[in-house]
Amino acid sequence: MSKRIRTFHRWTSLVFVATVVVCFVVVAQGDPAQWVLYTPLPPLFLLMFSGLYLFALPYTAKRRNRRRMAG
């Protein structure tokens, strides 16, 4: 499961970078539509949630190992 989430996190980061680059290009060309500025937000939220999961993964693994050793 964590391998899939790591892969998802990597691909989502590439999508996020691409949307940010597209936003910079559109803003440089002139007055963009309001929705263009919000396009990086969905990948950013996905990155936040998957990143928090990946950050917490070692701590929850340590807790699970302690419970196994005690039980």
Protein backbone atom coordinates (compact mmCIF):
# COMPACT_ATOMS: atom_id res chain seq x y z
CA MET A 1 0.00 0.00 0.00
CA SER A 2 2.73 2.49 0.90
CA LYS A 3 4.52 1.78 -2.39
CA ARG A 4 1.39 2.79 -4.30
CA ILE A 5 1.05 5.95 -2.27
CA ARG A 6 4.71 6.82 -2.87
CA THR A 7 4.20 6.36 -6.61
CA PHE A 8 1.00 8.42 -6.47
CA HIS A 9 2.86 11.13 -4.54
CA ARG A 10 5.64 11.25 -7.15
CA TRP A 11 3.27 11.51 -10.10
CA THR A 12 1.11 14.06 -8.34
CA SER A 13 4.19 16.19 -7.69
CA LEU A 14 4.97 16.14 -11.42
CA VAL A 15 1.40 17.20 -12.20
CA PHE A 16 1.66 19.98 -9.62
CA VAL A 17 4.90 21.31 -11.10
CA ALA A 18 3.39 21.21 -14.59
CA THR A 19 0.31 23.16 -13.49
CA VAL A 20 2.46 25.77 -11.76
CA VAL A 21 4.58 26.19 -14.89
CA VAL A 22 1.43 26.54 -17.01
CA CYS A 23 0.08 29.14 -14.59
CA PHE A 24 3.29 31.18 -14.83
CA VAL A 25 3.15 31.05 -18.62
CA VAL A 26 -0.50 32.11 -18.70
CA VAL A 27 0.05 34.94 -16.22
CA ALA A 28 3.05 36.17 -18.22
CA GLN A 29 0.94 36.39 -21.36
CA GLY A 30 -1.57 38.79 -19.89
CA ASP A 31 -4.60 39.00 -17.63
CA PRO A 32 -5.57 35.35 -16.92
CA ALA A 33 -8.99 34.02 -16.04
CA GLN A 34 -9.50 33.59 -12.31
CA TRP A 35 -9.83 29.79 -12.50
CA VAL A 36 -6.36 29.45 -14.06
CA LEU A 37 -4.77 30.66 -10.85
CA TYR A 38 -6.55 27.94 -8.87
CA THR A 39 -5.52 24.99 -11.06
CA PRO A 40 -2.48 24.03 -8.92
CA LEU A 41 -4.62 23.67 -5.79
CA PRO A 42 -6.14 20.18 -6.35
CA PRO A 43 -2.74 18.51 -6.91
CA LEU A 44 -1.36 20.49 -3.97
CA PHE A 45 -4.06 19.17 -1.64
CA LEU A 46 -3.45 15.63 -2.86
CA LEU A 47 0.27 16.12 -2.22
CA MET A 48 -0.47 17.43 1.25
CA PHE A 49 -2.57 14.42 2.24
CA SER A 50 -0.26 11.82 0.72
CA GLY A 51 2.76 13.61 2.18
CA LEU A 52 1.23 13.64 5.65
CA TYR A 53 0.53 9.92 5.33
CA LEU A 54 4.10 9.22 4.22
CA PHE A 55 5.42 11.41 7.03
CA ALA A 56 3.40 9.53 9.67
CA LEU A 57 4.18 6.07 8.28
CA PRO A 58 7.46 5.47 10.16
CA TYR A 59 5.94 6.59 13.46
CA THR A 60 2.94 4.30 13.12
CA ALA A 61 5.23 1.43 12.13
CA LYS A 62 7.27 1.92 15.30
CA ARG A 63 4.08 1.90 17.37
CA ARG A 64 2.87 -1.29 15.67
CA ASN A 65 6.21 -2.97 16.29
CA ARG A 66 6.11 -2.05 19.97
CA ARG A 67 2.64 -3.55 20.29
CA ARG A 68 3.78 -6.76 18.60
CA MET A 69 6.77 -7.08 20.92
CA ALA A 70 4.63 -6.46 24.01
CA GLY A 71 1.82 -8.75 22.94
